[in-house]
Amino acid sequence: MPFEDLKDKTILITGGTGSFGRNFVRHLLASSEARKIIVFSRDELKQHEMKEELNDKRLRFFIGDVRDLPRLQRAFKDVDFVVHAAALKQVPTLEYNPFEAIQTNIIGSQNIIDASIDQGVKKVILISTDKAAEPANLYGATKLCAEKLFASGNSYSPQKTIFSSVRYGNVIGSRGSVIDTLKKSRGLKRVRITDPDMTRFWITLEQSFELVGFALKHMVGGEIFIPNNLPSMRLGDLFEAAAPDAEKEIIGIRPGEKTHEVLLTKEESHRALEMDGAYVVFSAFPHSKDLYTKYNRLGNKVEAGFCFASDTNKNWFTKEDFKKLLDTES
């Protein structure tokens, strides 16, 4: 999807060398007329590899950490849009190292807000996760906090810098994901499954880019944008599709994991609209007077009490669907 609003603009991606960031940069180089694309991350080796691989004069690279506010202040100078994808994400690791998650995912997000306001960034998008909805682990709780911070950020800079979030499920093939691990280990004779009845939402990288573009186009400030067309899949079916010949060992749910995930909660349904391609959840404290006026023309109110959950979803991947997708992503 083209990003018309980025023509002659500068966009910065935090966590720009991660799975989302790296591929999003490629997408922007191919489908936008951005004047400058800045990659902000801690990993100098991956930045070097991206620079060598992409070799595009529009690219700039900043070494830095979202925990470092002065570095963000410098990096955000003359930036029009920021996509905040930097985060610590490994659920079991963060259960064991909780304050590290807080420093990066919560304090780091507040630093993004402060630097964006101080430097006059126009629009800022947080990349969130389904684990932020009714969180059962520290990772989800920190991302819920980040969503709340981004919604509240609009009250500090009304109509100058605006902040919104996108929330989606597991990305197919992202670094460190179960699918990434299976693809790298094809031919294994034995695989470990937490719970075959566990369900998850799945999204492709391309769909995540489309959601970010949708949010940048429509955002007024304080919204959470959620794709409404994501398929679900049982973990047991996923392993059958990705490793059909391997023996399956069931090890049980790990600390912090849920059997099923939620993207839109019952409580959020009272302040949500459904548009073509996305649910839009409004902040409990709207920061724009014309928020409802704008969106009431674009979508329909979600039924009160509705919950968009991976186990009650109407859209499902079959094993055959998933095999085709794995072949496409390979």
C-alpha atoms as a PDB file:
ATOM      1  CA  MET A   1       0.000   0.000   0.000  1.00  0.00           C
ATOM      2  CA  PRO A   2       1.429   3.419  -0.932  1.00  0.00           C
ATOM      3  CA  PHE A   3       2.020   5.998   1.822  1.00  0.00           C
ATOM      4  CA  GLU A   4       0.914   9.200   0.073  1.00  0.00           C
ATOM      5  CA  ASP A   5       1.161  11.272   3.264  1.00  0.00           C
ATOM      6  CA  LEU A   6       4.903  10.601   3.440  1.00  0.00           C
ATOM      7  CA  LYS A   7       5.761  12.442   0.225  1.00  0.00           C
ATOM      8  CA  ASP A   8       8.779  14.691   0.887  1.00  0.00           C
ATOM      9  CA  LYS A   9       8.528  13.898   4.629  1.00  0.00           C
ATOM     10  CA  THR A  10      10.967  12.382   7.129  1.00  0.00           C
ATOM     11  CA  ILE A  11       9.930   9.263   9.037  1.00  0.00           C
ATOM     12  CA  LEU A  12      11.850   7.599  11.879  1.00  0.00           C
ATOM     13  CA  ILE A  13      11.388   3.993  13.022  1.00  0.00           C
ATOM     14  CA  THR A  14      12.545   3.022  16.517  1.00  0.00           C
ATOM     15  CA  GLY A  15      13.611  -0.604  16.679  1.00  0.00           C
ATOM     16  CA  GLY A  16      14.310  -0.162  13.001  1.00  0.00           C
ATOM     17  CA  THR A  17      16.565  -3.228  12.762  1.00  0.00           C
ATOM     18  CA  GLY A  18      13.986  -5.617  14.254  1.00  0.00           C
ATOM     19  CA  SER A  19      11.718  -7.876  12.200  1.00  0.00           C
ATOM     20  CA  PHE A  20       8.997  -5.269  11.731  1.00  0.00           C
ATOM     21  CA  GLY A  21      11.337  -2.302  11.379  1.00  0.00           C
ATOM     22  CA  ARG A  22      13.701  -3.866   8.869  1.00  0.00           C
ATOM     23  CA  ASN A  23      10.886  -4.995   6.584  1.00  0.00           C
ATOM     24  CA  PHE A  24       8.895  -1.793   7.069  1.00  0.00           C
ATOM     25  CA  VAL A  25      11.896   0.213   5.896  1.00  0.00           C
ATOM     26  CA  ARG A  26      12.085  -1.914   2.747  1.00  0.00           C
ATOM     27  CA  HIS A  27       8.363  -1.365   2.233  1.00  0.00           C
ATOM     28  CA  LEU A  28       8.703   2.413   2.603  1.00  0.00           C
ATOM     29  CA  LEU A  29      11.620   2.552   0.191  1.00  0.00           C
ATOM     30  CA  ALA A  30       9.530   0.703  -2.401  1.00  0.00           C
ATOM     31  CA  SER A  31       6.123   2.303  -1.874  1.00  0.00           C
ATOM     32  CA  SER A  32       6.586   5.827  -0.558  1.00  0.00           C
ATOM     33  CA  GLU A  33       8.149   9.081  -1.682  1.00  0.00           C
ATOM     34  CA  ALA A  34       9.552   9.841   1.749  1.00  0.00           C
ATOM     35  CA  ARG A  35      12.420  12.293   1.635  1.00  0.00           C
ATOM     36  CA  LYS A  36      14.307  10.602   4.475  1.00  0.00           C
ATOM     37  CA  ILE A  37      13.889   7.344   6.436  1.00  0.00           C
ATOM     38  CA  ILE A  38      15.746   7.123   9.742  1.00  0.00           C
ATOM     39  CA  VAL A  39      16.539   3.801  11.412  1.00  0.00           C
ATOM     40  CA  PHE A  40      16.935   4.174  15.189  1.00  0.00           C
ATOM     41  CA  SER A  41      18.184   1.136  17.110  1.00  0.00           C
ATOM     42  CA  ARG A  42      20.874  -0.192  19.464  1.00  0.00           C
ATOM     43  CA  ASP A  43      22.343  -2.796  17.098  1.00  0.00           C
ATOM     44  CA  GLU A  44      25.293  -1.423  15.139  1.00  0.00           C
ATOM     45  CA  LEU A  45      25.920  -4.695  13.283  1.00  0.00           C
ATOM     46  CA  LYS A  46      22.367  -4.934  11.988  1.00  0.00           C
ATOM     47  CA  GLN A  47      22.448  -1.271  11.007  1.00  0.00           C
ATOM     48  CA  HIS A  48      25.643  -1.912   9.050  1.00  0.00           C
ATOM     49  CA  GLU A  49      24.056  -4.928   7.341  1.00  0.00           C
ATOM     50  CA  MET A  50      20.935  -2.914   6.428  1.00  0.00           C
ATOM     51  CA  LYS A  51      23.042  -0.088   5.036  1.00  0.00           C
ATOM     52  CA  GLU A  52      25.046  -2.490   2.873  1.00  0.00           C
ATOM     53  CA  GLU A  53      21.981  -4.415   1.729  1.00  0.00           C
ATOM     54  CA  LEU A  54      19.629  -1.524   0.933  1.00  0.00           C
ATOM     55  CA  ASN A  55      22.160   1.087  -0.226  1.00  0.00           C
ATOM     56  CA  ASP A  56      19.606   3.897  -0.585  1.00  0.00           C
ATOM     57  CA  LYS A  57      20.512   7.578  -0.256  1.00  0.00           C
ATOM     58  CA  ARG A  58      17.257   8.271   1.597  1.00  0.00           C
ATOM     59  CA  LEU A  59      18.349   6.113   4.549  1.00  0.00           C
ATOM     60  CA  ARG A  60      19.936   7.452   7.740  1.00  0.00           C
ATOM     61  CA  PHE A  61      21.041   5.429  10.771  1.00  0.00           C
ATOM     62  CA  PHE A  62      21.053   6.469  14.428  1.00  0.00           C
ATOM     63  CA  ILE A  63      22.607   4.300  17.140  1.00  0.00           C
ATOM     64  CA  GLY A  64      20.612   4.854  20.309  1.00  0.00           C
ATOM     65  CA  ASP A  65      18.341   3.443  22.992  1.00  0.00           C
ATOM     66  CA  VAL A  66      14.782   4.557  23.729  1.00  0.00           C
ATOM     67  CA  ARG A  67      15.819   4.690  27.399  1.00  0.00           C
ATOM     68  CA  ASP A  68      18.079   7.649  26.494  1.00  0.00           C
ATOM     69  CA  LEU A  69      15.914  10.784  26.199  1.00  0.00           C
ATOM     70  CA  PRO A  70      18.701  13.176  25.095  1.00  0.00           C
ATOM     71  CA  ARG A  71      19.612  10.828  22.242  1.00  0.00           C
ATOM     72  CA  LEU A  72      15.962  10.708  21.152  1.00  0.00           C
ATOM     73  CA  GLN A  73      15.791  14.512  21.276  1.00  0.00           C
ATOM     74  CA  ARG A  74      18.702  14.682  18.862  1.00  0.00           C
ATOM     75  CA  ALA A  75      17.385  11.946  16.568  1.00  0.00           C
ATOM     76  CA  PHE A  76      13.866  13.459  16.318  1.00  0.00           C
ATOM     77  CA  LYS A  77      14.986  16.882  15.106  1.00  0.00           C
ATOM     78  CA  ASP A  78      13.123  17.791  11.879  1.00  0.00           C
ATOM     79  CA  VAL A  79      11.272  14.430  11.852  1.00  0.00           C
ATOM     80  CA  ASP A  80       7.645  14.470  10.646  1.00  0.00           C
ATOM     81  CA  PHE A  81       6.476  10.976  11.636  1.00  0.00           C
ATOM     82  CA  VAL A  82       7.690   8.396  14.171  1.00  0.00           C
ATOM     83  CA  VAL A  83       6.769   4.704  14.256  1.00  0.00           C
ATOM     84  CA  HIS A  84       7.709   3.347  17.670  1.00  0.00           C
ATOM     85  CA  ALA A  85       8.485  -0.362  17.260  1.00  0.00           C
ATOM     86  CA  ALA A  86      11.330  -0.713  19.777  1.00  0.00           C
ATOM     87  CA  ALA A  87      10.422  -3.083  22.620  1.00  0.00           C
ATOM     88  CA  LEU A  88      11.531  -6.053  24.667  1.00  0.00           C
ATOM     89  CA  LYS A  89       9.115  -8.837  23.707  1.00  0.00           C
ATOM     90  CA  GLN A  90      10.121 -12.322  24.848  1.00  0.00           C
ATOM     91  CA  VAL A  91       7.433 -13.300  27.385  1.00  0.00           C
ATOM     92  CA  PRO A  92       9.375 -15.819  29.553  1.00  0.00           C
ATOM     93  CA  THR A  93      12.517 -13.657  29.536  1.00  0.00           C
ATOM     94  CA  LEU A  94      10.602 -10.598  30.695  1.00  0.00           C
ATOM     95  CA  GLU A  95       8.853 -12.535  33.443  1.00  0.00           C
ATOM     96  CA  TYR A  96      12.355 -13.200  34.795  1.00  0.00           C
ATOM     97  CA  ASN A  97      13.703  -9.677  34.085  1.00  0.00           C
ATOM     98  CA  PRO A  98      10.681  -7.472  34.822  1.00  0.00           C
ATOM     99  CA  PHE A  99      12.299  -4.092  35.390  1.00  0.00           C
ATOM    100  CA  GLU A 100      14.205  -4.311  32.104  1.00  0.00           C
ATOM    101  CA  ALA A 101      10.819  -4.547  30.364  1.00  0.00           C
ATOM    102  CA  ILE A 102       9.551  -1.562  32.336  1.00  0.00           C
ATOM    103  CA  GLN A 103      12.572   0.557  31.465  1.00  0.00           C
ATOM    104  CA  THR A 104      12.311  -0.112  27.723  1.00  0.00           C
ATOM    105  CA  ASN A 105       8.589  -0.614  27.088  1.00  0.00           C
ATOM    106  CA  ILE A 106       7.153   1.941  29.539  1.00  0.00           C
ATOM    107  CA  ILE A 107       9.820   4.526  30.353  1.00  0.00           C
ATOM    108  CA  GLY A 108      11.140   4.274  26.802  1.00  0.00           C
ATOM    109  CA  SER A 109       7.654   4.979  25.431  1.00  0.00           C
ATOM    110  CA  GLN A 110       7.314   8.051  27.654  1.00  0.00           C
ATOM    111  CA  ASN A 111      10.675   9.226  26.331  1.00  0.00           C
ATOM    112  CA  ILE A 112       9.320   8.868  22.784  1.00  0.00           C
ATOM    113  CA  ILE A 113       6.347  11.047  23.747  1.00  0.00           C
ATOM    114  CA  ASP A 114       8.487  13.728  25.387  1.00  0.00           C
ATOM    115  CA  ALA A 115      11.000  13.883  22.543  1.00  0.00           C
ATOM    116  CA  SER A 116       8.244  13.977  19.905  1.00  0.00           C
ATOM    117  CA  ILE A 117       6.465  16.891  21.581  1.00  0.00           C
ATOM    118  CA  ASP A 118       9.671  18.829  22.203  1.00  0.00           C
ATOM    119  CA  GLN A 119      10.870  18.384  18.610  1.00  0.00           C
ATOM    120  CA  GLY A 120       7.480  19.051  16.967  1.00  0.00           C
ATOM    121  CA  VAL A 121       6.932  15.626  15.380  1.00  0.00           C
ATOM    122  CA  LYS A 122       3.514  15.623  13.658  1.00  0.00           C
ATOM    123  CA  LYS A 123       2.294  12.020  14.127  1.00  0.00           C
ATOM    124  CA  VAL A 124       3.559   9.173  16.310  1.00  0.00           C
ATOM    125  CA  ILE A 125       2.378   5.537  16.120  1.00  0.00           C
ATOM    126  CA  LEU A 126       2.994   2.896  18.789  1.00  0.00           C
ATOM    127  CA  ILE A 127       3.289  -0.709  17.621  1.00  0.00           C
ATOM    128  CA  SER A 128       1.375  -2.644  20.299  1.00  0.00           C
ATOM    129  CA  THR A 129       0.261  -6.260  20.671  1.00  0.00           C
ATOM    130  CA  ASP A 130      -2.762  -8.427  21.416  1.00  0.00           C
ATOM    131  CA  LYS A 131      -1.061  -9.243  24.715  1.00  0.00           C
ATOM    132  CA  ALA A 132      -1.842  -5.692  25.877  1.00  0.00           C
ATOM    133  CA  ALA A 133      -5.562  -6.545  25.941  1.00  0.00           C
ATOM    134  CA  GLU A 134      -6.451  -8.161  29.270  1.00  0.00           C
ATOM    135  CA  PRO A 135      -2.742  -8.844  29.914  1.00  0.00           C
ATOM    136  CA  ALA A 136      -1.651 -12.011  31.697  1.00  0.00           C
ATOM    137  CA  ASN A 137       2.091 -11.351  31.546  1.00  0.00           C
ATOM    138  CA  LEU A 138       4.497  -8.508  32.171  1.00  0.00           C
ATOM    139  CA  TYR A 139       5.135  -7.936  28.477  1.00  0.00           C
ATOM    140  CA  GLY A 140       1.422  -7.377  27.862  1.00  0.00           C
ATOM    141  CA  ALA A 141       1.129  -5.169  30.945  1.00  0.00           C
ATOM    142  CA  THR A 142       4.004  -2.952  29.800  1.00  0.00           C
ATOM    143  CA  LYS A 143       2.462  -2.585  26.351  1.00  0.00           C
ATOM    144  CA  LEU A 144      -0.905  -1.733  27.917  1.00  0.00           C
ATOM    145  CA  CYS A 145       0.889   0.997  29.883  1.00  0.00           C
ATOM    146  CA  ALA A 146       2.507   2.214  26.666  1.00  0.00           C
ATOM    147  CA  GLU A 147      -0.924   2.397  24.972  1.00  0.00           C
ATOM    148  CA  LYS A 148      -2.256   4.450  27.898  1.00  0.00           C
ATOM    149  CA  LEU A 149       0.765   6.759  27.783  1.00  0.00           C
ATOM    150  CA  PHE A 150       0.317   7.317  24.047  1.00  0.00           C
ATOM    151  CA  ALA A 151      -3.371   8.147  24.494  1.00  0.00           C
ATOM    152  CA  SER A 152      -2.560  10.606  27.291  1.00  0.00           C
ATOM    153  CA  GLY A 153       0.286  12.139  25.302  1.00  0.00           C
ATOM    154  CA  ASN A 154      -2.277  13.979  23.215  1.00  0.00           C
ATOM    155  CA  SER A 155      -3.313  16.111  26.195  1.00  0.00           C
ATOM    156  CA  TYR A 156       0.219  17.526  26.493  1.00  0.00           C
ATOM    157  CA  SER A 157       0.335  18.795  22.921  1.00  0.00           C
ATOM    158  CA  PRO A 158      -3.207  19.241  21.580  1.00  0.00           C
ATOM    159  CA  GLN A 159      -3.383  19.459  17.787  1.00  0.00           C
ATOM    160  CA  LYS A 160       0.412  19.731  17.457  1.00  0.00           C
ATOM    161  CA  THR A 161       1.869  16.276  17.994  1.00  0.00           C
ATOM    162  CA  ILE A 162      -0.711  13.483  17.907  1.00  0.00           C
ATOM    163  CA  PHE A 163      -0.265   9.962  19.245  1.00  0.00           C
ATOM    164  CA  SER A 164      -2.105   6.725  18.434  1.00  0.00           C
ATOM    165  CA  SER A 165      -1.462   2.974  18.595  1.00  0.00           C
ATOM    166  CA  VAL A 166      -1.896  -0.084  16.409  1.00  0.00           C
ATOM    167  CA  ARG A 167      -2.559  -3.444  18.070  1.00  0.00           C
ATOM    168  CA  TYR A 168      -2.282  -6.804  16.307  1.00  0.00           C
ATOM    169  CA  GLY A 169      -1.441 -10.480  16.810  1.00  0.00           C
ATOM    170  CA  ASN A 170       1.556 -12.696  16.108  1.00  0.00           C
ATOM    171  CA  VAL A 171       3.517 -11.811  12.989  1.00  0.00           C
ATOM    172  CA  ILE A 172       4.114 -14.734  10.657  1.00  0.00           C
ATOM    173  CA  GLY A 173       7.836 -15.386  10.312  1.00  0.00           C
ATOM    174  CA  SER A 174       9.018 -12.641  12.661  1.00  0.00           C
ATOM    175  CA  ARG A 175      12.417 -13.200  14.276  1.00  0.00           C
ATOM    176  CA  GLY A 176      12.211 -15.590  17.234  1.00  0.00           C
ATOM    177  CA  SER A 177       8.599 -16.607  16.584  1.00  0.00           C
ATOM    178  CA  VAL A 178       7.504 -20.236  16.699  1.00  0.00           C
ATOM    179  CA  ILE A 179       7.179 -20.244  12.909  1.00  0.00           C
ATOM    180  CA  ASP A 180      10.634 -18.728  12.445  1.00  0.00           C
ATOM    181  CA  THR A 181      12.063 -21.447  14.700  1.00  0.00           C
ATOM    182  CA  LEU A 182      10.264 -24.220  12.822  1.00  0.00           C
ATOM    183  CA  LYS A 183      11.341 -22.884   9.439  1.00  0.00           C
ATOM    184  CA  LYS A 184      14.975 -22.811  10.553  1.00  0.00           C
ATOM    185  CA  SER A 185      14.727 -26.324  11.945  1.00  0.00           C
ATOM    186  CA  ARG A 186      12.950 -28.198   9.176  1.00  0.00           C
ATOM    187  CA  GLY A 187      13.526 -31.906   9.371  1.00  0.00           C
ATOM    188  CA  LEU A 188      13.364 -32.050  13.161  1.00  0.00           C
ATOM    189  CA  LYS A 189      12.155 -35.401  14.430  1.00  0.00           C
ATOM    190  CA  ARG A 190      10.770 -33.981  17.688  1.00  0.00           C
ATOM    191  CA  VAL A 191       9.133 -30.624  18.504  1.00  0.00           C
ATOM    192  CA  ARG A 192       7.791 -29.218  21.772  1.00  0.00           C
ATOM    193  CA  ILE A 193       4.258 -27.761  21.977  1.00  0.00           C
ATOM    194  CA  THR A 194       2.933 -25.849  24.985  1.00  0.00           C
ATOM    195  CA  ASP A 195      -0.761 -26.687  24.353  1.00  0.00           C
ATOM    196  CA  PRO A 196      -2.221 -27.909  21.043  1.00  0.00           C
ATOM    197  CA  ASP A 197      -5.580 -26.239  21.819  1.00  0.00           C
ATOM    198  CA  MET A 198      -3.977 -22.821  22.287  1.00  0.00           C
ATOM    199  CA  THR A 199      -5.161 -20.328  19.669  1.00  0.00           C
ATOM    200  CA  ARG A 200      -3.493 -17.208  18.315  1.00  0.00           C
ATOM    201  CA  PHE A 201      -4.213 -14.424  15.831  1.00  0.00           C
ATOM    202  CA  TRP A 202      -1.823 -14.306  12.884  1.00  0.00           C
ATOM    203  CA  ILE A 203      -0.862 -11.366  10.685  1.00  0.00           C
ATOM    204  CA  THR A 204       1.558 -11.015   7.792  1.00  0.00           C
ATOM    205  CA  LEU A 205       4.148  -8.268   7.697  1.00  0.00           C
ATOM    206  CA  GLU A 206       2.351  -6.758   4.702  1.00  0.00           C
ATOM    207  CA  GLN A 207      -0.886  -6.540   6.699  1.00  0.00           C
ATOM    208  CA  SER A 208       0.940  -4.843   9.576  1.00  0.00           C
ATOM    209  CA  PHE A 209       2.313  -2.228   7.165  1.00  0.00           C
ATOM    210  CA  GLU A 210      -1.182  -1.621   5.809  1.00  0.00           C
ATOM    211  CA  LEU A 211      -2.486  -1.094   9.339  1.00  0.00           C
ATOM    212  CA  VAL A 212       0.221   1.481  10.091  1.00  0.00           C
ATOM    213  CA  GLY A 213      -0.597   3.289   6.851  1.00  0.00           C
ATOM    214  CA  PHE A 214      -4.305   3.211   7.713  1.00  0.00           C
ATOM    215  CA  ALA A 215      -3.570   4.686  11.156  1.00  0.00           C
ATOM    216  CA  LEU A 216      -1.314   7.440   9.789  1.00  0.00           C
ATOM    217  CA  LYS A 217      -4.048   8.433   7.354  1.00  0.00           C
ATOM    218  CA  HIS A 218      -6.991   8.488   9.779  1.00  0.00           C
ATOM    219  CA  MET A 219      -5.568   9.196  13.240  1.00  0.00           C
ATOM    220  CA  VAL A 220      -6.902  12.158  15.198  1.00  0.00           C
ATOM    221  CA  GLY A 221      -5.150  11.229  18.454  1.00  0.00           C
ATOM    222  CA  GLY A 222      -5.658   8.652  21.178  1.00  0.00           C
ATOM    223  CA  GLU A 223      -7.077   5.837  19.060  1.00  0.00           C
ATOM    224  CA  ILE A 224      -6.055   2.194  18.980  1.00  0.00           C
ATOM    225  CA  PHE A 225      -6.339   0.672  15.496  1.00  0.00           C
ATOM    226  CA  ILE A 226      -6.995  -3.092  15.382  1.00  0.00           C
ATOM    227  CA  PRO A 227      -7.245  -5.155  12.167  1.00  0.00           C
ATOM    228  CA  ASN A 228     -10.680  -6.806  12.020  1.00  0.00           C
ATOM    229  CA  ASN A 229      -9.885  -9.495   9.456  1.00  0.00           C
ATOM    230  CA  LEU A 230      -7.096 -11.519  11.088  1.00  0.00           C
ATOM    231  CA  PRO A 231      -7.379 -15.314  11.060  1.00  0.00           C
ATOM    232  CA  SER A 232      -6.896 -17.542  14.095  1.00  0.00           C
ATOM    233  CA  MET A 233      -5.211 -20.921  14.249  1.00  0.00           C
ATOM    234  CA  ARG A 234      -4.802 -23.693  16.814  1.00  0.00           C
ATOM    235  CA  LEU A 235      -1.205 -24.295  17.811  1.00  0.00           C
ATOM    236  CA  GLY A 236      -1.660 -28.016  17.202  1.00  0.00           C
ATOM    237  CA  ASP A 237      -2.744 -27.351  13.598  1.00  0.00           C
ATOM    238  CA  LEU A 238       0.165 -24.956  13.123  1.00  0.00           C
ATOM    239  CA  PHE A 239       2.688 -27.610  14.143  1.00  0.00           C
ATOM    240  CA  GLU A 240       0.984 -30.183  11.919  1.00  0.00           C
ATOM    241  CA  ALA A 241       1.313 -27.794   8.978  1.00  0.00           C
ATOM    242  CA  ALA A 242       4.890 -26.677   9.681  1.00  0.00           C
ATOM    243  CA  ALA A 243       6.360 -29.943  11.039  1.00  0.00           C
ATOM    244  CA  PRO A 244       4.016 -32.753   9.950  1.00  0.00           C
ATOM    245  CA  ASP A 245       6.520 -35.589  10.396  1.00  0.00           C
ATOM    246  CA  ALA A 246       7.909 -34.568  13.782  1.00  0.00           C
ATOM    247  CA  GLU A 247       6.926 -36.213  17.061  1.00  0.00           C
ATOM    248  CA  LYS A 248       4.988 -33.712  19.222  1.00  0.00           C
ATOM    249  CA  GLU A 249       5.888 -33.321  22.899  1.00  0.00           C
ATOM    250  CA  ILE A 250       3.333 -31.355  24.952  1.00  0.00           C
ATOM    251  CA  ILE A 251       5.090 -29.362  27.680  1.00  0.00           C
ATOM    252  CA  GLY A 252       2.256 -27.201  29.054  1.00  0.00           C
ATOM    253  CA  ILE A 253       1.646 -23.461  29.053  1.00  0.00           C
ATOM    254  CA  ARG A 254       4.684 -21.401  30.067  1.00  0.00           C
ATOM    255  CA  PRO A 255       4.632 -18.629  32.698  1.00  0.00           C
ATOM    256  CA  GLY A 256       2.724 -15.592  31.460  1.00  0.00           C
ATOM    257  CA  GLU A 257       1.029 -17.292  28.518  1.00  0.00           C
ATOM    258  CA  LYS A 258      -2.710 -17.393  27.829  1.00  0.00           C
ATOM    259  CA  THR A 259      -4.612 -20.200  26.113  1.00  0.00           C
ATOM    260  CA  HIS A 260      -6.371 -17.659  23.876  1.00  0.00           C
ATOM    261  CA  GLU A 261      -5.665 -14.047  22.976  1.00  0.00           C
ATOM    262  CA  VAL A 262      -7.928 -10.991  22.757  1.00  0.00           C
ATOM    263  CA  LEU A 263      -7.539  -8.013  20.429  1.00  0.00           C
ATOM    264  CA  LEU A 264     -10.678  -6.032  21.326  1.00  0.00           C
ATOM    265  CA  THR A 265     -12.064  -6.442  24.847  1.00  0.00           C
ATOM    266  CA  LYS A 266     -15.692  -6.296  25.967  1.00  0.00           C
ATOM    267  CA  GLU A 267     -14.940  -3.155  27.958  1.00  0.00           C
ATOM    268  CA  GLU A 268     -13.429  -1.467  24.890  1.00  0.00           C
ATOM    269  CA  SER A 269     -16.437  -2.349  22.725  1.00  0.00           C
ATOM    270  CA  HIS A 270     -18.410   0.502  24.320  1.00  0.00           C
ATOM    271  CA  ARG A 271     -16.062   3.036  22.720  1.00  0.00           C
ATOM    272  CA  ALA A 272     -15.201   1.319  19.445  1.00  0.00           C
ATOM    273  CA  LEU A 273     -16.213   1.650  15.815  1.00  0.00           C
ATOM    274  CA  GLU A 274     -15.720  -0.784  12.963  1.00  0.00           C
ATOM    275  CA  MET A 275     -14.381   0.642   9.715  1.00  0.00           C
ATOM    276  CA  ASP A 276     -13.496  -1.102   6.489  1.00  0.00           C
ATOM    277  CA  GLY A 277     -10.438  -3.123   7.545  1.00  0.00           C
ATOM    278  CA  ALA A 278     -10.093  -2.090  11.187  1.00  0.00           C
ATOM    279  CA  TYR A 279     -11.694  -1.555  14.551  1.00  0.00           C
ATOM    280  CA  VAL A 280     -10.975   1.849  16.080  1.00  0.00           C
ATOM    281  CA  VAL A 281     -10.975   2.076  19.884  1.00  0.00           C
ATOM    282  CA  PHE A 282     -11.236   5.593  21.282  1.00  0.00           C
ATOM    283  CA  SER A 283      -9.488   6.768  24.414  1.00  0.00           C
ATOM    284  CA  ALA A 284     -11.635   6.893  27.552  1.00  0.00           C
ATOM    285  CA  PHE A 285     -10.652  10.582  27.647  1.00  0.00           C
ATOM    286  CA  PRO A 286     -10.950  11.902  24.041  1.00  0.00           C
ATOM    287  CA  HIS A 287      -8.513  14.715  23.284  1.00  0.00           C
ATOM    288  CA  SER A 288     -10.137  16.037  20.120  1.00  0.00           C
ATOM    289  CA  LYS A 289     -13.563  17.689  19.941  1.00  0.00           C
ATOM    290  CA  ASP A 290     -14.206  16.435  16.412  1.00  0.00           C
ATOM    291  CA  LEU A 291     -13.134  12.830  17.102  1.00  0.00           C
ATOM    292  CA  TYR A 292     -16.603  11.258  17.119  1.00  0.00           C
ATOM    293  CA  THR A 293     -17.898  13.517  14.362  1.00  0.00           C
ATOM    294  CA  LYS A 294     -15.146  12.369  12.015  1.00  0.00           C
ATOM    295  CA  TYR A 295     -15.365   8.664  12.756  1.00  0.00           C
ATOM    296  CA  ASN A 296     -19.167   8.443  12.849  1.00  0.00           C
ATOM    297  CA  ARG A 297     -19.054   9.288   9.169  1.00  0.00           C
ATOM    298  CA  LEU A 298     -16.540   6.513   8.485  1.00  0.00           C
ATOM    299  CA  GLY A 299     -17.664   3.512  10.560  1.00  0.00           C
ATOM    300  CA  ASN A 300     -20.349   1.757  12.560  1.00  0.00           C
ATOM    301  CA  LYS A 301     -20.493   1.447  16.324  1.00  0.00           C
ATOM    302  CA  VAL A 302     -19.423  -1.958  17.665  1.00  0.00           C
ATOM    303  CA  GLU A 303     -22.096  -3.881  19.550  1.00  0.00           C
ATOM    304  CA  ALA A 304     -21.713  -3.433  23.316  1.00  0.00           C
ATOM    305  CA  GLY A 305     -20.144  -6.489  24.918  1.00  0.00           C
ATOM    306  CA  PHE A 306     -18.479  -7.671  21.712  1.00  0.00           C
ATOM    307  CA  CYS A 307     -15.074  -9.317  22.164  1.00  0.00           C
ATOM    308  CA  PHE A 308     -12.635 -10.057  19.331  1.00  0.00           C
ATOM    309  CA  ALA A 309     -10.861 -13.158  20.638  1.00  0.00           C
ATOM    310  CA  SER A 310      -8.739 -15.810  18.933  1.00  0.00           C
ATOM    311  CA  ASP A 311     -10.933 -18.736  20.050  1.00  0.00           C
ATOM    312  CA  THR A 312     -14.294 -17.184  19.027  1.00  0.00           C
ATOM    313  CA  ASN A 313     -12.995 -15.621  15.818  1.00  0.00           C
ATOM    314  CA  LYS A 314     -15.018 -16.397  12.668  1.00  0.00           C
ATOM    315  CA  ASN A 315     -11.946 -16.360  10.420  1.00  0.00           C
ATOM    316  CA  TRP A 316      -9.642 -19.420  10.688  1.00  0.00           C
ATOM    317  CA  PHE A 317      -6.515 -20.730   9.014  1.00  0.00           C
ATOM    318  CA  THR A 318      -6.671 -24.360   7.962  1.00  0.00           C
ATOM    319  CA  LYS A 319      -3.515 -26.460   7.796  1.00  0.00           C
ATOM    320  CA  GLU A 320      -3.655 -26.206   4.008  1.00  0.00           C
ATOM    321  CA  ASP A 321      -3.986 -22.409   4.131  1.00  0.00           C
ATOM    322  CA  PHE A 322      -1.017 -22.200   6.430  1.00  0.00           C
ATOM    323  CA  LYS A 323       1.176 -24.452   4.290  1.00  0.00           C
ATOM    324  CA  LYS A 324       0.529 -22.188   1.311  1.00  0.00           C
ATOM    325  CA  LEU A 325       1.377 -19.119   3.372  1.00  0.00           C
ATOM    326  CA  LEU A 326       4.595 -20.689   4.669  1.00  0.00           C
ATOM    327  CA  ASP A 327       5.650 -21.446   1.101  1.00  0.00           C
ATOM    328  CA  THR A 328       4.938 -17.808   0.158  1.00  0.00           C
ATOM    329  CA  GLU A 329       6.897 -16.453   3.145  1.00  0.00           C
ATOM    330  CA  SER A 330       9.889 -18.755   2.561  1.00  0.00           C
END
